[in-house]
């Protein structure tokens, strides 16, 4: 998204933010997932950034799809407040035969050769043990995804780590001709 006036759609619960992302992307909106500036954080630390030209249509669509919005913050490009982009929270560490991908506090470690998930860790949300139990031992791209079984901010950041891990795994296999 280029540097111009934008709006942040803020939610009370992560579930609504996750649904909003899906609904707006499916409808073709140019969006970004962001953590709202500290001064505007509520119970959910995830917002959707849209251009101010699109905010009315995005709001109408979310209302139509029963996605609950807490507030909309208009952020002129001249503002000193800056949201944090989730893509900047992703870190990758290569451990030889294993790769660990971290997004926020959530980490996924997988075997480079097979894509088998060998560890899920981090976060403090109540669904993390369940996510770990369901994902441990599965192969990236073949088993369930965190977004399918979790409903918390930890599950959401775990999904971003999973997406990056899958991207890396596919790149590795593409180089090997598989």
N, C-alpha and C. Protein backbone atom coordinates (compact mmCIF):
# COMPACT_ATOMS: atom_id res chain seq x y z
N UNK A 1 0.86 -1.17 0.00
CA UNK A 1 0.00 0.00 0.00
C UNK A 1 0.90 1.23 0.00
N UNK A 2 0.69 2.15 -0.93
CA UNK A 2 1.54 3.32 -0.99
C UNK A 2 1.25 4.26 0.18
N UNK A 3 2.15 5.21 0.36
CA UNK A 3 2.05 6.11 1.51
C UNK A 3 1.02 7.19 1.24
N UNK A 4 -0.19 6.97 1.64
CA UNK A 4 -1.25 7.96 1.53
C UNK A 4 -2.20 7.76 2.70
N UNK A 5 -3.25 8.56 2.75
CA UNK A 5 -4.19 8.43 3.86
C UNK A 5 -4.78 7.03 3.89
N UNK A 6 -4.91 6.50 5.09
CA UNK A 6 -5.46 5.15 5.25
C UNK A 6 -6.39 5.13 6.45
N UNK A 7 -7.10 4.04 6.54
CA UNK A 7 -8.00 3.84 7.67
C UNK A 7 -7.71 2.48 8.26
N UNK A 8 -7.82 2.39 9.59
CA UNK A 8 -7.67 1.11 10.27
C UNK A 8 -9.03 0.69 10.79
N UNK A 9 -9.44 -0.49 10.39
CA UNK A 9 -10.68 -1.07 10.90
C UNK A 9 -10.28 -1.90 12.12
N UNK A 10 -10.82 -1.54 13.28
CA UNK A 10 -10.43 -2.15 14.55
C UNK A 10 -11.54 -3.05 15.05
N UNK A 11 -11.16 -4.14 15.69
CA UNK A 11 -12.11 -5.15 16.15
C UNK A 11 -11.93 -5.41 17.64
N UNK A 12 -12.98 -5.92 18.25
CA UNK A 12 -12.93 -6.29 19.66
C UNK A 12 -12.26 -7.65 19.86
N UNK A 13 -12.48 -8.56 18.92
CA UNK A 13 -12.00 -9.94 19.06
C UNK A 13 -11.27 -10.36 17.80
N UNK A 14 -10.26 -11.18 17.99
CA UNK A 14 -9.44 -11.66 16.88
C UNK A 14 -10.27 -12.39 15.84
N UNK A 15 -11.29 -13.11 16.28
CA UNK A 15 -12.13 -13.85 15.34
C UNK A 15 -12.72 -12.92 14.29
N UNK A 16 -13.19 -11.76 14.70
CA UNK A 16 -13.77 -10.82 13.75
C UNK A 16 -12.71 -10.25 12.80
N UNK A 17 -11.51 -10.01 13.31
CA UNK A 17 -10.43 -9.54 12.46
C UNK A 17 -10.06 -10.60 11.42
N UNK A 18 -10.01 -11.85 11.84
CA UNK A 18 -9.70 -12.94 10.92
C UNK A 18 -10.77 -13.06 9.84
N UNK A 19 -12.02 -12.97 10.22
CA UNK A 19 -13.11 -13.03 9.24
C UNK A 19 -13.07 -11.84 8.30
N UNK A 20 -12.78 -10.65 8.84
CA UNK A 20 -12.72 -9.44 8.01
C UNK A 20 -11.64 -9.58 6.95
N UNK A 21 -10.49 -10.08 7.32
CA UNK A 21 -9.41 -10.28 6.35
C UNK A 21 -9.89 -11.17 5.21
N UNK A 22 -10.48 -12.29 5.57
CA UNK A 22 -10.96 -13.24 4.56
C UNK A 22 -12.02 -12.60 3.65
N UNK A 23 -13.00 -11.95 4.24
CA UNK A 23 -14.10 -11.34 3.47
C UNK A 23 -13.57 -10.26 2.53
N UNK A 24 -12.71 -9.40 3.04
CA UNK A 24 -12.21 -8.29 2.23
C UNK A 24 -11.26 -8.77 1.13
N UNK A 25 -10.41 -9.73 1.42
CA UNK A 25 -9.53 -10.27 0.38
C UNK A 25 -10.33 -10.96 -0.71
N UNK A 26 -11.32 -11.72 -0.30
CA UNK A 26 -12.16 -12.42 -1.27
C UNK A 26 -12.89 -11.44 -2.19
N UNK A 27 -13.23 -10.26 -1.66
CA UNK A 27 -13.92 -9.24 -2.45
C UNK A 27 -12.95 -8.38 -3.27
N UNK A 28 -11.65 -8.62 -3.13
CA UNK A 28 -10.67 -7.92 -3.95
C UNK A 28 -10.14 -6.62 -3.38
N UNK A 29 -10.37 -6.35 -2.11
CA UNK A 29 -9.84 -5.14 -1.49
C UNK A 29 -8.34 -5.25 -1.28
N UNK A 30 -7.64 -4.13 -1.43
CA UNK A 30 -6.22 -4.05 -1.13
C UNK A 30 -6.10 -3.73 0.36
N UNK A 31 -5.68 -4.73 1.15
CA UNK A 31 -5.64 -4.57 2.61
C UNK A 31 -4.29 -4.98 3.15
N UNK A 32 -4.05 -4.62 4.39
CA UNK A 32 -2.89 -5.08 5.15
C UNK A 32 -3.37 -5.41 6.56
N UNK A 33 -2.79 -6.43 7.14
CA UNK A 33 -3.05 -6.75 8.54
C UNK A 33 -2.02 -5.99 9.36
N UNK A 34 -2.47 -5.32 10.38
CA UNK A 34 -1.57 -4.53 11.20
C UNK A 34 -1.95 -4.62 12.66
N UNK A 35 -0.98 -4.35 13.50
CA UNK A 35 -1.29 -4.13 14.91
C UNK A 35 -1.54 -2.63 15.03
N UNK A 36 -2.65 -2.24 15.61
CA UNK A 36 -2.93 -0.80 15.71
C UNK A 36 -1.90 -0.09 16.57
N UNK A 37 -1.75 1.22 16.38
CA UNK A 37 -0.84 1.96 17.25
C UNK A 37 -1.21 1.73 18.71
N UNK A 38 -0.23 1.77 19.58
CA UNK A 38 -0.42 1.46 21.00
C UNK A 38 -1.57 2.26 21.62
N UNK A 39 -1.69 3.52 21.27
CA UNK A 39 -2.74 4.37 21.84
C UNK A 39 -4.15 3.89 21.51
N UNK A 40 -4.29 3.06 20.49
CA UNK A 40 -5.61 2.63 20.03
C UNK A 40 -5.87 1.15 20.22
N UNK A 41 -5.02 0.47 20.96
CA UNK A 41 -5.22 -0.97 21.16
C UNK A 41 -6.37 -1.20 22.11
N UNK A 42 -7.11 -2.26 21.81
CA UNK A 42 -8.24 -2.66 22.67
C UNK A 42 -7.98 -4.10 23.08
N UNK A 43 -9.01 -4.91 23.13
CA UNK A 43 -8.83 -6.32 23.47
C UNK A 43 -8.12 -7.09 22.39
N UNK A 44 -8.29 -6.72 21.14
CA UNK A 44 -7.70 -7.42 20.01
C UNK A 44 -6.60 -6.54 19.43
N UNK A 45 -5.42 -7.07 19.29
CA UNK A 45 -4.32 -6.28 18.76
C UNK A 45 -4.13 -6.50 17.26
N UNK A 46 -5.21 -6.60 16.54
CA UNK A 46 -5.13 -6.76 15.09
C UNK A 46 -6.15 -5.84 14.45
N UNK A 47 -5.72 -5.14 13.43
CA UNK A 47 -6.61 -4.26 12.67
C UNK A 47 -6.37 -4.54 11.20
N UNK A 48 -7.29 -4.08 10.38
CA UNK A 48 -7.15 -4.20 8.93
C UNK A 48 -6.99 -2.79 8.38
N UNK A 49 -5.93 -2.59 7.60
CA UNK A 49 -5.67 -1.29 6.99
C UNK A 49 -6.24 -1.28 5.58
N UNK A 50 -6.99 -0.25 5.26
CA UNK A 50 -7.52 -0.04 3.91
C UNK A 50 -7.29 1.43 3.54
N UNK A 51 -7.29 1.71 2.25
CA UNK A 51 -7.20 3.09 1.81
C UNK A 51 -8.48 3.82 2.17
N UNK A 52 -8.37 5.11 2.40
CA UNK A 52 -9.57 5.88 2.78
C UNK A 52 -10.61 5.88 1.67
N UNK A 53 -10.19 5.71 0.42
CA UNK A 53 -11.14 5.64 -0.69
C UNK A 53 -12.03 4.39 -0.62
N UNK A 54 -11.51 3.35 0.04
CA UNK A 54 -12.23 2.07 0.10
C UNK A 54 -12.95 1.82 1.41
N UNK A 55 -12.76 2.68 2.39
CA UNK A 55 -13.24 2.37 3.73
C UNK A 55 -14.75 2.24 3.81
N UNK A 56 -15.51 3.07 3.11
CA UNK A 56 -16.98 2.97 3.18
C UNK A 56 -17.47 1.65 2.59
N UNK A 57 -16.93 1.27 1.44
CA UNK A 57 -17.34 0.01 0.81
C UNK A 57 -16.93 -1.18 1.66
N UNK A 58 -15.72 -1.11 2.27
CA UNK A 58 -15.26 -2.20 3.13
C UNK A 58 -16.17 -2.33 4.35
N UNK A 59 -16.50 -1.20 4.95
CA UNK A 59 -17.38 -1.21 6.12
C UNK A 59 -18.75 -1.79 5.76
N UNK A 60 -19.31 -1.36 4.64
CA UNK A 60 -20.62 -1.87 4.20
C UNK A 60 -20.58 -3.38 4.00
N UNK A 61 -19.51 -3.87 3.37
CA UNK A 61 -19.40 -5.31 3.12
C UNK A 61 -19.28 -6.08 4.44
N UNK A 62 -18.48 -5.59 5.36
CA UNK A 62 -18.32 -6.28 6.64
C UNK A 62 -19.63 -6.31 7.42
N UNK A 63 -20.37 -5.22 7.39
CA UNK A 63 -21.68 -5.19 8.04
C UNK A 63 -22.62 -6.20 7.39
N UNK A 64 -22.60 -6.22 6.06
CA UNK A 64 -23.45 -7.18 5.32
C UNK A 64 -23.11 -8.62 5.68
N UNK A 65 -21.82 -8.90 5.91
CA UNK A 65 -21.37 -10.26 6.22
C UNK A 65 -21.36 -10.55 7.73
N UNK A 66 -21.96 -9.65 8.52
CA UNK A 66 -22.06 -9.82 9.98
C UNK A 66 -20.71 -9.91 10.68
N UNK A 67 -19.72 -9.15 10.19
CA UNK A 67 -18.43 -9.05 10.86
C UNK A 67 -18.50 -7.80 11.74
N UNK A 68 -18.37 -7.98 13.04
CA UNK A 68 -18.52 -6.88 13.98
C UNK A 68 -17.28 -5.99 14.02
N UNK A 69 -17.48 -4.71 13.79
CA UNK A 69 -16.42 -3.71 13.80
C UNK A 69 -16.51 -2.92 15.10
N UNK A 70 -15.39 -2.73 15.77
CA UNK A 70 -15.37 -1.91 16.97
C UNK A 70 -15.28 -0.42 16.62
N UNK A 71 -14.38 -0.09 15.68
CA UNK A 71 -14.16 1.31 15.34
C UNK A 71 -13.39 1.40 14.03
N UNK A 72 -13.39 2.58 13.44
CA UNK A 72 -12.57 2.87 12.27
C UNK A 72 -11.75 4.10 12.59
N UNK A 73 -10.44 3.97 12.45
CA UNK A 73 -9.52 5.07 12.73
C UNK A 73 -8.97 5.60 11.41
N UNK A 74 -9.09 6.88 11.19
CA UNK A 74 -8.53 7.49 9.99
C UNK A 74 -7.13 7.96 10.32
N UNK A 75 -6.18 7.58 9.51
CA UNK A 75 -4.77 7.84 9.77
C UNK A 75 -4.18 8.60 8.58
N UNK A 76 -4.22 9.92 8.60
CA UNK A 76 -3.61 10.68 7.52
C UNK A 76 -2.13 10.33 7.38
N UNK A 77 -1.61 10.39 6.16
CA UNK A 77 -0.20 10.03 5.94
C UNK A 77 0.74 10.92 6.74
N UNK A 78 0.25 12.07 7.18
CA UNK A 78 1.09 12.99 7.95
C UNK A 78 1.13 12.64 9.45
N UNK A 79 0.35 11.65 9.88
CA UNK A 79 0.29 11.32 11.31
C UNK A 79 1.61 10.70 11.79
N UNK A 80 1.89 10.87 13.04
CA UNK A 80 3.10 10.27 13.61
C UNK A 80 2.82 8.86 14.13
N UNK A 81 1.55 8.47 14.19
CA UNK A 81 1.20 7.12 14.64
C UNK A 81 1.45 6.13 13.51
N UNK A 82 2.07 5.03 13.84
CA UNK A 82 2.38 4.04 12.82
C UNK A 82 1.93 2.67 13.27
N UNK A 83 1.14 1.99 12.45
CA UNK A 83 0.80 0.61 12.79
C UNK A 83 2.00 -0.30 12.56
N UNK A 84 1.97 -1.48 13.17
CA UNK A 84 3.04 -2.46 13.00
C UNK A 84 2.54 -3.51 12.02
N UNK A 85 3.27 -3.71 10.93
CA UNK A 85 2.87 -4.68 9.92
C UNK A 85 3.31 -6.08 10.33
N UNK A 86 2.38 -7.04 10.27
CA UNK A 86 2.67 -8.39 10.75
C UNK A 86 3.82 -9.03 9.99
N UNK A 87 3.98 -8.70 8.71
CA UNK A 87 5.07 -9.31 7.94
C UNK A 87 6.43 -8.97 8.54
N UNK A 88 6.53 -7.86 9.26
CA UNK A 88 7.79 -7.48 9.89
C UNK A 88 8.06 -8.30 11.15
N UNK A 89 7.07 -9.02 11.64
CA UNK A 89 7.23 -9.84 12.83
C UNK A 89 7.74 -11.24 12.51
N UNK A 90 7.89 -11.57 11.23
CA UNK A 90 8.30 -12.92 10.84
C UNK A 90 9.82 -13.01 10.79
N UNK A 91 10.35 -14.00 11.49
CA UNK A 91 11.79 -14.27 11.52
C UNK A 91 12.01 -15.74 11.18
N UNK A 92 13.09 -16.03 10.47
CA UNK A 92 13.41 -17.39 10.06
C UNK A 92 14.81 -17.73 10.56
N UNK A 93 14.95 -18.93 11.15
CA UNK A 93 16.24 -19.41 11.61
C UNK A 93 16.48 -20.79 11.01
N UNK A 94 17.62 -20.95 10.37
CA UNK A 94 18.00 -22.22 9.75
C UNK A 94 18.88 -22.98 10.73
N UNK A 95 18.44 -24.18 11.12
CA UNK A 95 19.20 -25.02 12.05
C UNK A 95 19.76 -26.26 11.35
N UNK A 96 20.20 -26.12 10.13
CA UNK A 96 20.75 -27.26 9.40
C UNK A 96 19.64 -28.09 8.77
N UNK A 97 19.26 -29.17 9.45
CA UNK A 97 18.19 -30.03 8.94
C UNK A 97 16.80 -29.49 9.22
N UNK A 98 16.72 -28.47 10.05
CA UNK A 98 15.43 -27.91 10.49
C UNK A 98 15.38 -26.41 10.20
N UNK A 99 14.17 -25.90 10.03
CA UNK A 99 13.95 -24.46 9.92
C UNK A 99 12.87 -24.09 10.92
N UNK A 100 13.15 -23.01 11.67
CA UNK A 100 12.15 -22.48 12.59
C UNK A 100 11.66 -21.14 12.04
N UNK A 101 10.36 -20.99 11.98
CA UNK A 101 9.75 -19.74 11.54
C UNK A 101 8.96 -19.18 12.71
N UNK A 102 9.23 -17.91 13.02
CA UNK A 102 8.57 -17.26 14.14
C UNK A 102 7.77 -16.07 13.63
N UNK A 103 6.56 -15.94 14.13
CA UNK A 103 5.76 -14.74 13.90
C UNK A 103 5.26 -14.31 15.27
N UNK A 104 5.70 -13.13 15.70
CA UNK A 104 5.36 -12.71 17.05
C UNK A 104 5.99 -13.68 18.03
N UNK A 105 5.18 -14.26 18.91
CA UNK A 105 5.68 -15.23 19.89
C UNK A 105 5.51 -16.67 19.44
N UNK A 106 4.83 -16.90 18.33
CA UNK A 106 4.57 -18.27 17.89
C UNK A 106 5.66 -18.77 16.95
N UNK A 107 6.05 -20.05 17.16
CA UNK A 107 7.11 -20.65 16.36
C UNK A 107 6.67 -22.00 15.81
N UNK A 108 7.05 -22.24 14.56
CA UNK A 108 6.86 -23.55 13.93
C UNK A 108 8.22 -24.00 13.45
N UNK A 109 8.60 -25.24 13.80
CA UNK A 109 9.85 -25.81 13.33
C UNK A 109 9.51 -27.04 12.51
N UNK A 110 10.17 -27.14 11.33
CA UNK A 110 9.89 -28.27 10.44
C UNK A 110 11.19 -28.83 9.88
N UNK A 111 11.12 -30.09 9.43
CA UNK A 111 12.26 -30.76 8.80
C UNK A 111 12.35 -30.27 7.37
N UNK A 112 13.51 -29.76 6.98
CA UNK A 112 13.68 -29.21 5.62
C UNK A 112 13.33 -30.23 4.54
N UNK A 113 13.81 -31.44 4.70
CA UNK A 113 13.66 -32.45 3.66
C UNK A 113 12.22 -32.92 3.46
N UNK A 114 11.49 -33.08 4.56
CA UNK A 114 10.15 -33.69 4.46
C UNK A 114 9.00 -32.72 4.68
N UNK A 115 9.27 -31.58 5.32
CA UNK A 115 8.20 -30.65 5.67
C UNK A 115 7.42 -31.05 6.90
N UNK A 116 7.90 -32.08 7.60
CA UNK A 116 7.21 -32.55 8.81
C UNK A 116 7.40 -31.54 9.94
N UNK A 117 6.29 -31.16 10.56
CA UNK A 117 6.33 -30.23 11.69
C UNK A 117 6.78 -31.00 12.93
N UNK A 118 7.87 -30.51 13.54
CA UNK A 118 8.42 -31.19 14.71
C UNK A 118 8.22 -30.40 16.00
N UNK A 119 7.80 -29.13 15.88
CA UNK A 119 7.56 -28.35 17.09
C UNK A 119 6.66 -27.16 16.80
N UNK A 120 5.74 -26.91 17.73
CA UNK A 120 4.92 -25.70 17.76
C UNK A 120 5.12 -25.15 19.16
N UNK A 121 5.53 -23.89 19.27
CA UNK A 121 5.75 -23.35 20.61
C UNK A 121 5.48 -21.86 20.65
N UNK A 122 5.42 -21.34 21.87
CA UNK A 122 5.23 -19.92 22.09
C UNK A 122 3.80 -19.58 22.42
N UNK A 123 3.56 -18.29 22.55
CA UNK A 123 2.21 -17.81 22.83
C UNK A 123 1.75 -18.18 24.22
N UNK A 124 0.61 -17.66 24.58
CA UNK A 124 0.06 -17.94 25.89
C UNK A 124 -1.44 -18.14 25.84
N UNK A 125 -1.97 -18.28 24.63
CA UNK A 125 -3.42 -18.44 24.47
C UNK A 125 -3.83 -19.87 24.79
N UNK A 126 -5.08 -20.04 25.21
CA UNK A 126 -5.52 -21.37 25.65
C UNK A 126 -5.60 -22.43 24.56
N UNK A 127 -5.62 -22.04 23.28
CA UNK A 127 -5.73 -23.06 22.24
C UNK A 127 -4.38 -23.56 21.73
N UNK A 128 -3.28 -23.06 22.26
CA UNK A 128 -1.96 -23.46 21.76
C UNK A 128 -1.65 -24.94 22.01
N UNK A 129 -1.93 -25.52 23.17
CA UNK A 129 -1.69 -26.95 23.31
C UNK A 129 -2.49 -27.78 22.29
N UNK A 130 -3.72 -27.37 22.03
CA UNK A 130 -4.54 -28.08 21.04
C UNK A 130 -3.94 -27.93 19.64
N UNK A 131 -3.51 -26.71 19.29
CA UNK A 131 -2.87 -26.50 17.99
C UNK A 131 -1.64 -27.39 17.86
N UNK A 132 -0.81 -27.40 18.90
CA UNK A 132 0.38 -28.22 18.87
C UNK A 132 0.06 -29.69 18.67
N UNK A 133 -0.94 -30.16 19.38
CA UNK A 133 -1.34 -31.56 19.29
C UNK A 133 -1.82 -31.91 17.87
N UNK A 134 -2.56 -31.01 17.25
CA UNK A 134 -3.12 -31.26 15.91
C UNK A 134 -2.08 -31.09 14.80
N UNK A 135 -1.10 -30.19 14.99
CA UNK A 135 -0.14 -29.90 13.92
C UNK A 135 1.14 -30.74 14.02
N UNK A 136 1.54 -31.11 15.23
CA UNK A 136 2.76 -31.86 15.42
C UNK A 136 2.71 -33.16 14.61
N UNK A 137 3.76 -33.39 13.82
CA UNK A 137 3.85 -34.62 13.03
C UNK A 137 3.19 -34.54 11.67
N UNK A 138 2.46 -33.47 11.39
CA UNK A 138 1.86 -33.34 10.06
C UNK A 138 2.88 -32.73 9.10
N UNK A 139 2.60 -32.81 7.82
CA UNK A 139 3.47 -32.25 6.79
C UNK A 139 2.88 -30.93 6.32
N UNK A 140 3.74 -29.94 6.20
CA UNK A 140 3.29 -28.62 5.72
C UNK A 140 2.49 -28.76 4.43
N UNK A 141 1.33 -28.15 4.40
CA UNK A 141 0.48 -28.17 3.21
C UNK A 141 -0.43 -29.38 3.11
N UNK A 142 -0.24 -30.36 4.00
CA UNK A 142 -1.06 -31.58 3.92
C UNK A 142 -2.00 -31.74 5.11
N UNK A 143 -1.67 -31.16 6.23
CA UNK A 143 -2.50 -31.31 7.43
C UNK A 143 -3.36 -30.08 7.64
N UNK A 144 -3.95 -30.01 8.82
CA UNK A 144 -4.77 -28.82 9.13
C UNK A 144 -3.91 -27.58 9.24
N UNK A 145 -4.52 -26.44 9.06
CA UNK A 145 -3.83 -25.16 9.21
C UNK A 145 -4.26 -24.52 10.52
N UNK A 146 -3.39 -23.73 11.13
CA UNK A 146 -3.75 -23.08 12.40
C UNK A 146 -5.05 -22.29 12.31
N UNK A 147 -5.31 -21.62 11.20
CA UNK A 147 -6.53 -20.81 11.07
C UNK A 147 -7.79 -21.66 11.07
N UNK A 148 -7.66 -22.93 10.73
CA UNK A 148 -8.82 -23.82 10.69
C UNK A 148 -9.21 -24.32 12.08
N UNK A 149 -8.27 -24.32 13.02
CA UNK A 149 -8.55 -24.93 14.32
C UNK A 149 -8.38 -23.99 15.50
N UNK A 150 -7.84 -22.80 15.29
CA UNK A 150 -7.64 -21.86 16.38
C UNK A 150 -8.44 -20.59 16.19
N UNK A 151 -8.69 -19.88 17.28
CA UNK A 151 -9.50 -18.66 17.23
C UNK A 151 -8.87 -17.50 17.99
N UNK A 152 -7.60 -17.62 18.37
CA UNK A 152 -6.97 -16.58 19.19
C UNK A 152 -5.89 -15.86 18.40
N UNK A 153 -5.34 -14.80 18.98
CA UNK A 153 -4.24 -14.06 18.36
C UNK A 153 -3.02 -14.97 18.18
N UNK A 154 -2.81 -15.89 19.10
CA UNK A 154 -1.70 -16.83 18.96
C UNK A 154 -1.90 -17.75 17.75
N UNK A 155 -3.11 -18.23 17.56
CA UNK A 155 -3.41 -19.06 16.39
C UNK A 155 -3.23 -18.26 15.11
N UNK A 156 -3.60 -16.99 15.18
CA UNK A 156 -3.48 -16.13 14.01
C UNK A 156 -2.01 -15.91 13.64
N UNK A 157 -1.15 -15.63 14.62
CA UNK A 157 0.26 -15.46 14.30
C UNK A 157 0.90 -16.80 13.93
N UNK A 158 0.40 -17.88 14.51
CA UNK A 158 0.87 -19.20 14.13
C UNK A 158 0.54 -19.47 12.66
N UNK A 159 -0.61 -19.02 12.20
CA UNK A 159 -0.98 -19.17 10.79
C UNK A 159 0.02 -18.44 9.89
N UNK A 160 0.44 -17.25 10.30
CA UNK A 160 1.42 -16.51 9.50
C UNK A 160 2.77 -17.23 9.48
N UNK A 161 3.16 -17.80 10.60
CA UNK A 161 4.40 -18.59 10.64
C UNK A 161 4.25 -19.81 9.73
N UNK A 162 3.08 -20.44 9.77
CA UNK A 162 2.81 -21.61 8.94
C UNK A 162 2.90 -21.26 7.45
N UNK A 163 2.30 -20.14 7.06
CA UNK A 163 2.33 -19.71 5.66
C UNK A 163 3.77 -19.49 5.19
N UNK A 164 4.59 -18.85 6.02
CA UNK A 164 5.99 -18.61 5.66
C UNK A 164 6.76 -19.93 5.61
N UNK A 165 6.50 -20.83 6.55
CA UNK A 165 7.16 -22.14 6.55
C UNK A 165 6.80 -22.91 5.28
N UNK A 166 5.55 -22.88 4.89
CA UNK A 166 5.11 -23.56 3.68
C UNK A 166 5.77 -22.95 2.44
N UNK A 167 5.87 -21.64 2.42
CA UNK A 167 6.53 -20.95 1.30
C UNK A 167 8.00 -21.38 1.20
N UNK A 168 8.69 -21.41 2.33
CA UNK A 168 10.10 -21.83 2.36
C UNK A 168 10.24 -23.28 1.91
N UNK A 169 9.39 -24.15 2.45
CA UNK A 169 9.44 -25.57 2.10
C UNK A 169 9.23 -25.76 0.60
N UNK A 170 8.25 -25.06 0.02
CA UNK A 170 7.99 -25.18 -1.41
C UNK A 170 9.16 -24.66 -2.24
N UNK A 171 9.80 -23.58 -1.80
CA UNK A 171 10.98 -23.06 -2.49
C UNK A 171 12.12 -24.08 -2.45
N UNK A 172 12.33 -24.70 -1.29
CA UNK A 172 13.37 -25.69 -1.16
C UNK A 172 13.12 -26.87 -2.10
N UNK A 173 11.90 -27.29 -2.20
CA UNK A 173 11.60 -28.43 -3.05
C UNK A 173 11.61 -28.05 -4.52
N UNK A 174 11.29 -26.80 -4.81
CA UNK A 174 11.35 -26.34 -6.20
C UNK A 174 12.79 -26.37 -6.70
N UNK A 175 13.74 -26.02 -5.84
CA UNK A 175 15.16 -26.04 -6.20
C UNK A 175 15.67 -27.46 -6.40
N UNK A 176 15.02 -28.42 -5.74
CA UNK A 176 15.43 -29.81 -5.85
C UNK A 176 14.72 -30.53 -6.99
N UNK A 177 13.82 -29.80 -7.68
CA UNK A 177 13.11 -30.41 -8.81
C UNK A 177 11.94 -31.26 -8.42
N UNK A 178 11.52 -31.19 -7.17
CA UNK A 178 10.37 -32.01 -6.73
C UNK A 178 9.09 -31.28 -6.97
